[in-house]
């Protein structure tokens, strides 16, 4: 696994949900601090707007869950939507008390 690319790919895994899709708590949205991730988010949203879709919104809480997922895959050497313990994206969000109506996950390996 190439650790260099994995965090960007996995942050995409959960990082964007529509703000009305989860939790009654206020969305935390400072945006990504990593320049490569910030650029990636900009490219994703530019494509979405070009296709007539609304921009997706960054949430620091979800990004932290995604980053931890990335670390987990590297440390336990697996690459899957479900970890070796059988947990998926839905489980990780529920465990963090983030409730949602929709979740999407994309994982990718490499550039």
PDB file of N, CA and C in Angstrom:
ATOM      1  N   UNK A   1       0.828  -1.184   0.000  1.00  0.00           N
ATOM      2  CA  UNK A   1       0.000   0.000   0.000  1.00  0.00           C
ATOM      3  C   UNK A   1       0.875   1.251   0.000  1.00  0.00           C
ATOM      4  N   UNK A   2       0.484   2.232  -0.768  1.00  0.00           N
ATOM      5  CA  UNK A   2       1.244   3.462  -0.818  1.00  0.00           C
ATOM      6  C   UNK A   2       0.631   4.461   0.142  1.00  0.00           C
ATOM      7  N   UNK A   3       1.250   4.608   1.291  1.00  0.00           N
ATOM      8  CA  UNK A   3       0.739   5.486   2.340  1.00  0.00           C
ATOM      9  C   UNK A   3       0.563   6.913   1.839  1.00  0.00           C
ATOM     10  N   UNK A   4       1.402   7.331   0.917  1.00  0.00           N
ATOM     11  CA  UNK A   4       1.350   8.698   0.420  1.00  0.00           C
ATOM     12  C   UNK A   4      -0.028   9.051  -0.150  1.00  0.00           C
ATOM     13  N   UNK A   5      -0.650   8.139  -0.875  1.00  0.00           N
ATOM     14  CA  UNK A   5      -1.920   8.426  -1.519  1.00  0.00           C
ATOM     15  C   UNK A   5      -3.118   8.020  -0.685  1.00  0.00           C
ATOM     16  N   UNK A   6      -2.931   7.085   0.201  1.00  0.00           N
ATOM     17  CA  UNK A   6      -4.052   6.537   0.939  1.00  0.00           C
ATOM     18  C   UNK A   6      -4.838   7.574   1.730  1.00  0.00           C
ATOM     19  N   UNK A   7      -4.203   8.477   2.487  1.00  0.00           N
ATOM     20  CA  UNK A   7      -5.013   9.441   3.237  1.00  0.00           C
ATOM     21  C   UNK A   7      -5.933  10.274   2.367  1.00  0.00           C
ATOM     22  N   UNK A   8      -5.476  10.689   1.200  1.00  0.00           N
ATOM     23  CA  UNK A   8      -6.333  11.479   0.323  1.00  0.00           C
ATOM     24  C   UNK A   8      -7.522  10.648  -0.132  1.00  0.00           C
ATOM     25  N   UNK A   9      -7.249   9.416  -0.516  1.00  0.00           N
ATOM     26  CA  UNK A   9      -8.323   8.563  -1.013  1.00  0.00           C
ATOM     27  C   UNK A   9      -9.343   8.269   0.066  1.00  0.00           C
ATOM     28  N   UNK A  10      -8.878   7.982   1.266  1.00  0.00           N
ATOM     29  CA  UNK A  10      -9.794   7.594   2.319  1.00  0.00           C
ATOM     30  C   UNK A  10     -10.507   8.802   2.903  1.00  0.00           C
ATOM     31  N   UNK A  11      -9.861   9.930   2.919  1.00  0.00           N
ATOM     32  CA  UNK A  11     -10.579  11.107   3.387  1.00  0.00           C
ATOM     33  C   UNK A  11     -11.772  11.332   2.489  1.00  0.00           C
ATOM     34  N   UNK A  12     -11.640  11.005   1.217  1.00  0.00           N
ATOM     35  CA  UNK A  12     -12.786  11.104   0.330  1.00  0.00           C
ATOM     36  C   UNK A  12     -13.877  10.140   0.751  1.00  0.00           C
ATOM     37  N   UNK A  13     -13.485   9.053   1.390  1.00  0.00           N
ATOM     38  CA  UNK A  13     -14.422   8.017   1.799  1.00  0.00           C
ATOM     39  C   UNK A  13     -15.629   8.562   2.529  1.00  0.00           C
ATOM     40  N   UNK A  14     -15.437   9.417   3.488  1.00  0.00           N
ATOM     41  CA  UNK A  14     -16.543   9.907   4.299  1.00  0.00           C
ATOM     42  C   UNK A  14     -16.609  11.421   4.398  1.00  0.00           C
ATOM     43  N   UNK A  15     -15.634  12.086   3.852  1.00  0.00           N
ATOM     44  CA  UNK A  15     -15.457  13.478   4.183  1.00  0.00           C
ATOM     45  C   UNK A  15     -16.601  14.370   3.812  1.00  0.00           C
ATOM     46  N   UNK A  16     -17.377  13.971   2.872  1.00  0.00           N
ATOM     47  CA  UNK A  16     -18.404  14.871   2.397  1.00  0.00           C
ATOM     48  C   UNK A  16     -19.790  14.269   2.505  1.00  0.00           C
ATOM     49  N   UNK A  17     -20.580  14.880   3.279  1.00  0.00           N
ATOM     50  CA  UNK A  17     -21.997  14.556   3.364  1.00  0.00           C
ATOM     51  C   UNK A  17     -22.731  15.884   3.307  1.00  0.00           C
ATOM     52  N   UNK A  18     -23.914  15.877   2.806  1.00  0.00           N
ATOM     53  CA  UNK A  18     -24.681  17.111   2.857  1.00  0.00           C
ATOM     54  C   UNK A  18     -24.950  17.439   4.323  1.00  0.00           C
ATOM     55  N   UNK A  19     -24.853  18.682   4.669  1.00  0.00           N
ATOM     56  CA  UNK A  19     -24.953  19.063   6.074  1.00  0.00           C
ATOM     57  C   UNK A  19     -26.269  18.629   6.710  1.00  0.00           C
ATOM     58  N   UNK A  20     -27.303  18.456   5.931  1.00  0.00           N
ATOM     59  CA  UNK A  20     -28.581  18.043   6.508  1.00  0.00           C
ATOM     60  C   UNK A  20     -28.699  16.524   6.631  1.00  0.00           C
ATOM     61  N   UNK A  21     -27.692  15.789   6.209  1.00  0.00           N
ATOM     62  CA  UNK A  21     -27.795  14.331   6.173  1.00  0.00           C
ATOM     63  C   UNK A  21     -27.513  13.656   7.504  1.00  0.00           C
ATOM     64  N   UNK A  22     -26.951  14.346   8.460  1.00  0.00           N
ATOM     65  CA  UNK A  22     -26.561  13.670   9.676  1.00  0.00           C
ATOM     66  C   UNK A  22     -26.616  14.600  10.878  1.00  0.00           C
ATOM     67  N   UNK A  23     -26.687  14.014  12.012  1.00  0.00           N
ATOM     68  CA  UNK A  23     -26.541  14.651  13.313  1.00  0.00           C
ATOM     69  C   UNK A  23     -27.279  15.984  13.469  1.00  0.00           C
ATOM     70  N   UNK A  24     -27.830  16.168  14.621  1.00  0.00           N
ATOM     71  CA  UNK A  24     -28.462  17.444  14.919  1.00  0.00           C
ATOM     72  C   UNK A  24     -27.431  18.462  15.384  1.00  0.00           C
ATOM     73  N   UNK A  25     -26.199  17.993  15.629  1.00  0.00           N
ATOM     74  CA  UNK A  25     -25.139  18.911  16.034  1.00  0.00           C
ATOM     75  C   UNK A  25     -24.722  19.769  14.846  1.00  0.00           C
ATOM     76  N   UNK A  26     -24.224  20.957  15.150  1.00  0.00           N
ATOM     77  CA  UNK A  26     -23.779  21.849  14.092  1.00  0.00           C
ATOM     78  C   UNK A  26     -22.571  21.250  13.369  1.00  0.00           C
ATOM     79  N   UNK A  27     -22.574  21.380  12.054  1.00  0.00           N
ATOM     80  CA  UNK A  27     -21.471  20.883  11.251  1.00  0.00           C
ATOM     81  C   UNK A  27     -20.200  21.660  11.561  1.00  0.00           C
ATOM     82  N   UNK A  28     -19.095  20.969  11.640  1.00  0.00           N
ATOM     83  CA  UNK A  28     -17.798  21.586  11.868  1.00  0.00           C
ATOM     84  C   UNK A  28     -17.117  21.684  10.520  1.00  0.00           C
ATOM     85  N   UNK A  29     -16.870  22.893  10.048  1.00  0.00           N
ATOM     86  CA  UNK A  29     -16.378  23.038   8.688  1.00  0.00           C
ATOM     87  C   UNK A  29     -15.285  24.076   8.584  1.00  0.00           C
ATOM     88  N   UNK A  30     -14.047  23.673   8.874  1.00  0.00           N
ATOM     89  CA  UNK A  30     -12.932  24.584   8.677  1.00  0.00           C
ATOM     90  C   UNK A  30     -12.255  24.317   7.350  1.00  0.00           C
ATOM     91  N   UNK A  31     -12.579  23.223   6.713  1.00  0.00           N
ATOM     92  CA  UNK A  31     -11.958  22.837   5.457  1.00  0.00           C
ATOM     93  C   UNK A  31     -10.678  22.080   5.713  1.00  0.00           C
ATOM     94  N   UNK A  32     -10.202  21.361   4.704  1.00  0.00           N
ATOM     95  CA  UNK A  32      -8.980  20.577   4.870  1.00  0.00           C
ATOM     96  C   UNK A  32      -7.774  21.487   5.053  1.00  0.00           C
ATOM     97  N   UNK A  33      -6.864  21.080   5.905  1.00  0.00           N
ATOM     98  CA  UNK A  33      -5.648  21.867   6.128  1.00  0.00           C
ATOM     99  C   UNK A  33      -4.521  21.442   5.197  1.00  0.00           C
ATOM    100  N   UNK A  34      -4.545  20.191   4.743  1.00  0.00           N
ATOM    101  CA  UNK A  34      -3.524  19.692   3.824  1.00  0.00           C
ATOM    102  C   UNK A  34      -3.781  20.272   2.432  1.00  0.00           C
ATOM    103  N   UNK A  35      -2.763  20.879   1.842  1.00  0.00           N
ATOM    104  CA  UNK A  35      -2.928  21.546   0.552  1.00  0.00           C
ATOM    105  C   UNK A  35      -3.388  20.578  -0.544  1.00  0.00           C
ATOM    106  N   UNK A  36      -2.810  19.387  -0.599  1.00  0.00           N
ATOM    107  CA  UNK A  36      -3.197  18.413  -1.630  1.00  0.00           C
ATOM    108  C   UNK A  36      -4.667  18.019  -1.488  1.00  0.00           C
ATOM    109  N   UNK A  37      -5.112  17.845  -0.255  1.00  0.00           N
ATOM    110  CA  UNK A  37      -6.508  17.476  -0.025  1.00  0.00           C
ATOM    111  C   UNK A  37      -7.416  18.651  -0.360  1.00  0.00           C
ATOM    112  N   UNK A  38      -7.004  19.862   0.017  1.00  0.00           N
ATOM    113  CA  UNK A  38      -7.787  21.057  -0.307  1.00  0.00           C
ATOM    114  C   UNK A  38      -7.963  21.187  -1.820  1.00  0.00           C
ATOM    115  N   UNK A  39      -6.873  20.957  -2.566  1.00  0.00           N
ATOM    116  CA  UNK A  39      -6.954  21.020  -4.024  1.00  0.00           C
ATOM    117  C   UNK A  39      -7.875  19.929  -4.564  1.00  0.00           C
ATOM    118  N   UNK A  40      -7.783  18.739  -3.995  1.00  0.00           N
ATOM    119  CA  UNK A  40      -8.621  17.625  -4.426  1.00  0.00           C
ATOM    120  C   UNK A  40     -10.095  17.944  -4.202  1.00  0.00           C
ATOM    121  N   UNK A  41     -10.422  18.482  -3.041  1.00  0.00           N
ATOM    122  CA  UNK A  41     -11.804  18.855  -2.743  1.00  0.00           C
ATOM    123  C   UNK A  41     -12.291  19.902  -3.743  1.00  0.00           C
ATOM    124  N   UNK A  42     -11.432  20.867  -4.062  1.00  0.00           N
ATOM    125  CA  UNK A  42     -11.798  21.878  -5.050  1.00  0.00           C
ATOM    126  C   UNK A  42     -12.090  21.267  -6.413  1.00  0.00           C
ATOM    127  N   UNK A  43     -11.276  20.299  -6.821  1.00  0.00           N
ATOM    128  CA  UNK A  43     -11.492  19.626  -8.105  1.00  0.00           C
ATOM    129  C   UNK A  43     -12.791  18.824  -8.107  1.00  0.00           C
ATOM    130  N   UNK A  44     -13.045  18.121  -7.001  1.00  0.00           N
ATOM    131  CA  UNK A  44     -14.289  17.341  -6.896  1.00  0.00           C
ATOM    132  C   UNK A  44     -15.493  18.269  -7.018  1.00  0.00           C
ATOM    133  N   UNK A  45     -15.475  19.354  -6.277  1.00  0.00           N
ATOM    134  CA  UNK A  45     -16.626  20.255  -6.307  1.00  0.00           C
ATOM    135  C   UNK A  45     -16.764  20.977  -7.642  1.00  0.00           C
ATOM    136  N   UNK A  46     -15.661  21.285  -8.296  1.00  0.00           N
ATOM    137  CA  UNK A  46     -15.743  21.897  -9.625  1.00  0.00           C
ATOM    138  C   UNK A  46     -16.432  20.939 -10.599  1.00  0.00           C
ATOM    139  N   UNK A  47     -16.067  19.672 -10.548  1.00  0.00           N
ATOM    140  CA  UNK A  47     -16.708  18.673 -11.412  1.00  0.00           C
ATOM    141  C   UNK A  47     -18.189  18.527 -11.073  1.00  0.00           C
ATOM    142  N   UNK A  48     -18.499  18.523  -9.781  1.00  0.00           N
ATOM    143  CA  UNK A  48     -19.901  18.397  -9.366  1.00  0.00           C
ATOM    144  C   UNK A  48     -20.715  19.581  -9.886  1.00  0.00           C
ATOM    145  N   UNK A  49     -20.192  20.788  -9.713  1.00  0.00           N
ATOM    146  CA  UNK A  49     -20.913  21.974 -10.187  1.00  0.00           C
ATOM    147  C   UNK A  49     -21.078  21.929 -11.701  1.00  0.00           C
ATOM    148  N   UNK A  50     -20.040  21.482 -12.403  1.00  0.00           N
ATOM    149  CA  UNK A  50     -20.113  21.370 -13.856  1.00  0.00           C
ATOM    150  C   UNK A  50     -21.154  20.364 -14.314  1.00  0.00           C
ATOM    151  N   UNK A  51     -21.436  19.382 -13.466  1.00  0.00           N
ATOM    152  CA  UNK A  51     -22.436  18.358 -13.790  1.00  0.00           C
ATOM    153  C   UNK A  51     -23.815  18.725 -13.258  1.00  0.00           C
ATOM    154  N   UNK A  52     -23.934  19.913 -12.686  1.00  0.00           N
ATOM    155  CA  UNK A  52     -25.224  20.354 -12.163  1.00  0.00           C
ATOM    156  C   UNK A  52     -25.546  19.829 -10.777  1.00  0.00           C
ATOM    157  N   UNK A  53     -24.545  19.298 -10.089  1.00  0.00           N
ATOM    158  CA  UNK A  53     -24.742  18.789  -8.719  1.00  0.00           C
ATOM    159  C   UNK A  53     -24.293  19.845  -7.719  1.00  0.00           C
ATOM    160  N   UNK A  54     -24.874  19.853  -6.536  1.00  0.00           N
ATOM    161  CA  UNK A  54     -24.430  20.820  -5.525  1.00  0.00           C
ATOM    162  C   UNK A  54     -23.052  20.441  -4.992  1.00  0.00           C
ATOM    163  N   UNK A  55     -22.340  21.442  -4.482  1.00  0.00           N
ATOM    164  CA  UNK A  55     -21.066  21.171  -3.820  1.00  0.00           C
ATOM    165  C   UNK A  55     -21.311  20.316  -2.589  1.00  0.00           C
ATOM    166  N   UNK A  56     -20.354  19.485  -2.281  1.00  0.00           N
ATOM    167  CA  UNK A  56     -20.398  18.747  -1.037  1.00  0.00           C
ATOM    168  C   UNK A  56     -19.640  19.545   0.007  1.00  0.00           C
ATOM    169  N   UNK A  57     -19.952  19.312   1.259  1.00  0.00           N
ATOM    170  CA  UNK A  57     -19.394  20.111   2.342  1.00  0.00           C
ATOM    171  C   UNK A  57     -18.427  19.302   3.188  1.00  0.00           C
ATOM    172  N   UNK A  58     -17.333  19.928   3.544  1.00  0.00           N
ATOM    173  CA  UNK A  58     -16.314  19.326   4.394  1.00  0.00           C
ATOM    174  C   UNK A  58     -16.787  19.330   5.836  1.00  0.00           C
ATOM    175  N   UNK A  59     -16.477  18.293   6.573  1.00  0.00           N
ATOM    176  CA  UNK A  59     -16.774  18.241   7.997  1.00  0.00           C
ATOM    177  C   UNK A  59     -15.558  17.645   8.702  1.00  0.00           C
ATOM    178  N   UNK A  60     -14.972  18.401   9.607  1.00  0.00           N
ATOM    179  CA  UNK A  60     -13.759  17.962  10.293  1.00  0.00           C
ATOM    180  C   UNK A  60     -13.959  16.668  11.072  1.00  0.00           C
ATOM    181  N   UNK A  61     -15.151  16.475  11.632  1.00  0.00           N
ATOM    182  CA  UNK A  61     -15.401  15.245  12.401  1.00  0.00           C
ATOM    183  C   UNK A  61     -15.371  14.030  11.498  1.00  0.00           C
ATOM    184  N   UNK A  62     -15.974  14.141  10.340  1.00  0.00           N
ATOM    185  CA  UNK A  62     -15.993  13.031   9.397  1.00  0.00           C
ATOM    186  C   UNK A  62     -14.599  12.806   8.819  1.00  0.00           C
ATOM    187  N   UNK A  63     -13.888  13.888   8.555  1.00  0.00           N
ATOM    188  CA  UNK A  63     -12.520  13.760   8.048  1.00  0.00           C
ATOM    189  C   UNK A  63     -11.632  13.027   9.054  1.00  0.00           C
ATOM    190  N   UNK A  64     -11.819  13.295  10.343  1.00  0.00           N
ATOM    191  CA  UNK A  64     -11.024  12.607  11.365  1.00  0.00           C
ATOM    192  C   UNK A  64     -11.328  11.107  11.372  1.00  0.00           C
ATOM    193  N   UNK A  65     -12.584  10.747  11.184  1.00  0.00           N
ATOM    194  CA  UNK A  65     -12.963   9.329  11.112  1.00  0.00           C
ATOM    195  C   UNK A  65     -12.312   8.694   9.888  1.00  0.00           C
ATOM    196  N   UNK A  66     -12.346   9.388   8.772  1.00  0.00           N
ATOM    197  CA  UNK A  66     -11.748   8.865   7.545  1.00  0.00           C
ATOM    198  C   UNK A  66     -10.238   8.724   7.685  1.00  0.00           C
ATOM    199  N   UNK A  67      -9.602   9.701   8.320  1.00  0.00           N
ATOM    200  CA  UNK A  67      -8.154   9.627   8.504  1.00  0.00           C
ATOM    201  C   UNK A  67      -7.784   8.440   9.395  1.00  0.00           C
ATOM    202  N   UNK A  68      -8.565   8.219  10.437  1.00  0.00           N
ATOM    203  CA  UNK A  68      -8.309   7.065  11.308  1.00  0.00           C
ATOM    204  C   UNK A  68      -8.508   5.763  10.531  1.00  0.00           C
ATOM    205  N   UNK A  69      -9.485   5.749   9.662  1.00  0.00           N
ATOM    206  CA  UNK A  69      -9.710   4.563   8.816  1.00  0.00           C
ATOM    207  C   UNK A  69      -8.504   4.309   7.928  1.00  0.00           C
ATOM    208  N   UNK A  70      -7.946   5.370   7.395  1.00  0.00           N
ATOM    209  CA  UNK A  70      -6.759   5.263   6.561  1.00  0.00           C
ATOM    210  C   UNK A  70      -5.596   4.661   7.362  1.00  0.00           C
ATOM    211  N   UNK A  71      -5.395   5.181   8.565  1.00  0.00           N
ATOM    212  CA  UNK A  71      -4.325   4.649   9.433  1.00  0.00           C
ATOM    213  C   UNK A  71      -4.552   3.169   9.741  1.00  0.00           C
ATOM    214  N   UNK A  72      -5.802   2.810   9.991  1.00  0.00           N
ATOM    215  CA  UNK A  72      -6.144   1.424  10.306  1.00  0.00           C
ATOM    216  C   UNK A  72      -5.793   0.498   9.140  1.00  0.00           C
ATOM    217  N   UNK A  73      -6.130   0.923   7.929  1.00  0.00           N
ATOM    218  CA  UNK A  73      -5.830   0.076   6.772  1.00  0.00           C
ATOM    219  C   UNK A  73      -4.324  -0.104   6.588  1.00  0.00           C
ATOM    220  N   UNK A  74      -3.576   0.961   6.822  1.00  0.00           N
ATOM    221  CA  UNK A  74      -2.126   0.861   6.687  1.00  0.00           C
ATOM    222  C   UNK A  74      -1.554  -0.020   7.793  1.00  0.00           C
ATOM    223  N   UNK A  75      -1.953   0.230   9.033  1.00  0.00           N
ATOM    224  CA  UNK A  75      -1.350  -0.506  10.153  1.00  0.00           C
ATOM    225  C   UNK A  75      -1.714  -1.987  10.145  1.00  0.00           C
ATOM    226  N   UNK A  76      -2.911  -2.327   9.654  1.00  0.00           N
ATOM    227  CA  UNK A  76      -3.313  -3.737   9.643  1.00  0.00           C
ATOM    228  C   UNK A  76      -3.234  -4.353   8.251  1.00  0.00           C
ATOM    229  N   UNK A  77      -2.690  -3.588   7.306  1.00  0.00           N
ATOM    230  CA  UNK A  77      -2.413  -4.075   5.959  1.00  0.00           C
ATOM    231  C   UNK A  77      -3.632  -4.714   5.294  1.00  0.00           C
ATOM    232  N   UNK A  78      -4.722  -3.958   5.198  1.00  0.00           N
ATOM    233  CA  UNK A  78      -5.888  -4.410   4.450  1.00  0.00           C
ATOM    234  C   UNK A  78      -6.391  -3.254   3.609  1.00  0.00           C
ATOM    235  N   UNK A  79      -7.175  -3.564   2.604  1.00  0.00           N
ATOM    236  CA  UNK A  79      -7.749  -2.546   1.735  1.00  0.00           C
ATOM    237  C   UNK A  79      -9.146  -3.009   1.361  1.00  0.00           C
ATOM    238  N   UNK A  80     -10.129  -2.504   2.080  1.00  0.00           N
ATOM    239  CA  UNK A  80     -11.492  -2.973   1.894  1.00  0.00           C
ATOM    240  C   UNK A  80     -12.471  -1.968   2.478  1.00  0.00           C
ATOM    241  N   UNK A  81     -13.718  -2.049   2.044  1.00  0.00           N
ATOM    242  CA  UNK A  81     -14.766  -1.209   2.616  1.00  0.00           C
ATOM    243  C   UNK A  81     -15.123  -1.667   4.025  1.00  0.00           C
ATOM    244  N   UNK A  82     -14.784  -2.887   4.347  1.00  0.00           N
ATOM    245  CA  UNK A  82     -15.054  -3.447   5.679  1.00  0.00           C
ATOM    246  C   UNK A  82     -13.732  -3.827   6.316  1.00  0.00           C
ATOM    247  N   UNK A  83     -13.525  -3.417   7.567  1.00  0.00           N
ATOM    248  CA  UNK A  83     -12.254  -3.743   8.212  1.00  0.00           C
ATOM    249  C   UNK A  83     -12.243  -5.203   8.694  1.00  0.00           C
ATOM    250  N   UNK A  84     -11.097  -5.712   9.155  1.00  0.00           N
ATOM    251  CA  UNK A  84     -11.035  -7.108   9.594  1.00  0.00           C
ATOM    252  C   UNK A  84     -11.987  -7.442  10.743  1.00  0.00           C
ATOM    253  N   UNK A  85     -12.448  -6.424  11.470  1.00  0.00           N
ATOM    254  CA  UNK A  85     -13.405  -6.639  12.562  1.00  0.00           C
ATOM    255  C   UNK A  85     -14.853  -6.629  12.066  1.00  0.00           C
ATOM    256  N   UNK A  86     -15.039  -6.417  10.767  1.00  0.00           N
ATOM    257  CA  UNK A  86     -16.379  -6.410  10.187  1.00  0.00           C
ATOM    258  C   UNK A  86     -17.076  -5.063  10.207  1.00  0.00           C
ATOM    259  N   UNK A  87     -16.369  -3.988  10.571  1.00  0.00           N
ATOM    260  CA  UNK A  87     -16.989  -2.657  10.633  1.00  0.00           C
ATOM    261  C   UNK A  87     -16.881  -1.953   9.291  1.00  0.00           C
ATOM    262  N   UNK A  88     -17.949  -1.230   8.941  1.00  0.00           N
ATOM    263  CA  UNK A  88     -17.950  -0.457   7.702  1.00  0.00           C
ATOM    264  C   UNK A  88     -18.161   1.021   8.024  1.00  0.00           C
ATOM    265  N   UNK A  89     -18.357   1.818   7.005  1.00  0.00           N
ATOM    266  CA  UNK A  89     -18.531   3.266   7.180  1.00  0.00           C
ATOM    267  C   UNK A  89     -19.699   3.606   8.095  1.00  0.00           C
ATOM    268  N   UNK A  90     -20.788   2.884   7.931  1.00  0.00           N
ATOM    269  CA  UNK A  90     -21.966   3.136   8.754  1.00  0.00           C
ATOM    270  C   UNK A  90     -21.647   2.928  10.232  1.00  0.00           C
ATOM    271  N   UNK A  91     -20.935   1.847  10.529  1.00  0.00           N
ATOM    272  CA  UNK A  91     -20.571   1.552  11.917  1.00  0.00           C
ATOM    273  C   UNK A  91     -19.684   2.644  12.503  1.00  0.00           C
ATOM    274  N   UNK A  92     -18.710   3.092  11.731  1.00  0.00           N
ATOM    275  CA  UNK A  92     -17.784   4.112  12.233  1.00  0.00           C
ATOM    276  C   UNK A  92     -18.514   5.418  12.535  1.00  0.00           C
ATOM    277  N   UNK A  93     -19.435   5.813  11.681  1.00  0.00           N
ATOM    278  CA  UNK A  93     -20.183   7.041  11.934  1.00  0.00           C
ATOM    279  C   UNK A  93     -21.097   6.894  13.149  1.00  0.00           C
ATOM    280  N   UNK A  94     -21.772   5.773  13.255  1.00  0.00           N
ATOM    281  CA  UNK A  94     -22.659   5.540  14.401  1.00  0.00           C
ATOM    282  C   UNK A  94     -21.884   5.562  15.708  1.00  0.00           C
ATOM    283  N   UNK A  95     -20.707   4.917  15.723  1.00  0.00           N
ATOM    284  CA  UNK A  95     -19.881   4.895  16.937  1.00  0.00           C
ATOM    285  C   UNK A  95     -19.434   6.289  17.348  1.00  0.00           C
ATOM    286  N   UNK A  96     -19.380   7.203  16.408  1.00  0.00           N
ATOM    287  CA  UNK A  96     -18.985   8.583  16.690  1.00  0.00           C
ATOM    288  C   UNK A  96     -20.191   9.485  16.926  1.00  0.00           C
ATOM    289  N   UNK A  97     -21.371   8.876  17.027  1.00  0.00           N
ATOM    290  CA  UNK A  97     -22.618   9.608  17.249  1.00  0.00           C
ATOM    291  C   UNK A  97     -22.923  10.606  16.139  1.00  0.00           C
ATOM    292  N   UNK A  98     -22.544  10.268  14.925  1.00  0.00           N
ATOM    293  CA  UNK A  98     -22.909  11.062  13.767  1.00  0.00           C
ATOM    294  C   UNK A  98     -23.981  10.274  13.032  1.00  0.00           C
ATOM    295  N   UNK A  99     -25.168  10.806  13.021  1.00  0.00           N
ATOM    296  CA  UNK A  99     -26.296  10.115  12.415  1.00  0.00           C
ATOM    297  C   UNK A  99     -26.520  10.695  11.026  1.00  0.00           C
ATOM    298  N   UNK A 100     -26.997   9.880  10.119  1.00  0.00           N
ATOM    299  CA  UNK A 100     -27.018  10.249   8.721  1.00  0.00           C
ATOM    300  C   UNK A 100     -28.195   9.619   8.009  1.00  0.00           C
ATOM    301  N   UNK A 101     -28.511  10.167   6.863  1.00  0.00           N
ATOM    302  CA  UNK A 101     -29.532   9.553   6.018  1.00  0.00           C
ATOM    303  C   UNK A 101     -28.887   8.904   4.797  1.00  0.00           C
ATOM    304  N   UNK A 102     -27.661   9.276   4.481  1.00  0.00           N
ATOM    305  CA  UNK A 102     -26.960   8.672   3.346  1.00  0.00           C
ATOM    306  C   UNK A 102     -25.458   8.742   3.599  1.00  0.00           C
ATOM    307  N   UNK A 103     -24.771   7.722   3.159  1.00  0.00           N
ATOM    308  CA  UNK A 103     -23.310   7.687   3.256  1.00  0.00           C
ATOM    309  C   UNK A 103     -22.789   7.085   1.962  1.00  0.00           C
ATOM    310  N   UNK A 104     -21.704   7.626   1.465  1.00  0.00           N
ATOM    311  CA  UNK A 104     -21.038   7.038   0.308  1.00  0.00           C
ATOM    312  C   UNK A 104     -19.571   6.863   0.668  1.00  0.00           C
ATOM    313  N   UNK A 105     -18.975   5.843   0.110  1.00  0.00           N
ATOM    314  CA  UNK A 105     -17.567   5.585   0.393  1.00  0.00           C
ATOM    315  C   UNK A 105     -16.856   5.259  -0.911  1.00  0.00           C
ATOM    316  N   UNK A 106     -15.749   5.928  -1.119  1.00  0.00           N
ATOM    317  CA  UNK A 106     -14.862   5.607  -2.231  1.00  0.00           C
ATOM    318  C   UNK A 106     -13.487   5.394  -1.657  1.00  0.00           C
ATOM    319  N   UNK A 107     -12.879   4.286  -1.991  1.00  0.00           N
ATOM    320  CA  UNK A 107     -11.496   4.071  -1.602  1.00  0.00           C
ATOM    321  C   UNK A 107     -10.708   3.823  -2.885  1.00  0.00           C
ATOM    322  N   UNK A 108      -9.486   4.279  -2.909  1.00  0.00           N
ATOM    323  CA  UNK A 108      -8.643   4.106  -4.077  1.00  0.00           C
ATOM    324  C   UNK A 108      -7.207   3.949  -3.611  1.00  0.00           C
ATOM    325  N   UNK A 109      -6.438   3.255  -4.398  1.00  0.00           N
ATOM    326  CA  UNK A 109      -5.046   3.017  -4.067  1.00  0.00           C
ATOM    327  C   UNK A 109      -4.205   3.464  -5.251  1.00  0.00           C
ATOM    328  N   UNK A 110      -3.213   4.270  -5.002  1.00  0.00           N
ATOM    329  CA  UNK A 110      -2.350   4.752  -6.065  1.00  0.00           C
ATOM    330  C   UNK A 110      -2.697   6.172  -6.456  1.00  0.00           C
ATOM    331  N   UNK A 111      -1.981   6.707  -7.454  1.00  0.00           N
ATOM    332  CA  UNK A 111      -2.215   8.110  -7.836  1.00  0.00           C
ATOM    333  C   UNK A 111      -3.568   8.308  -8.509  1.00  0.00           C
TER     334      UNK A 111
END
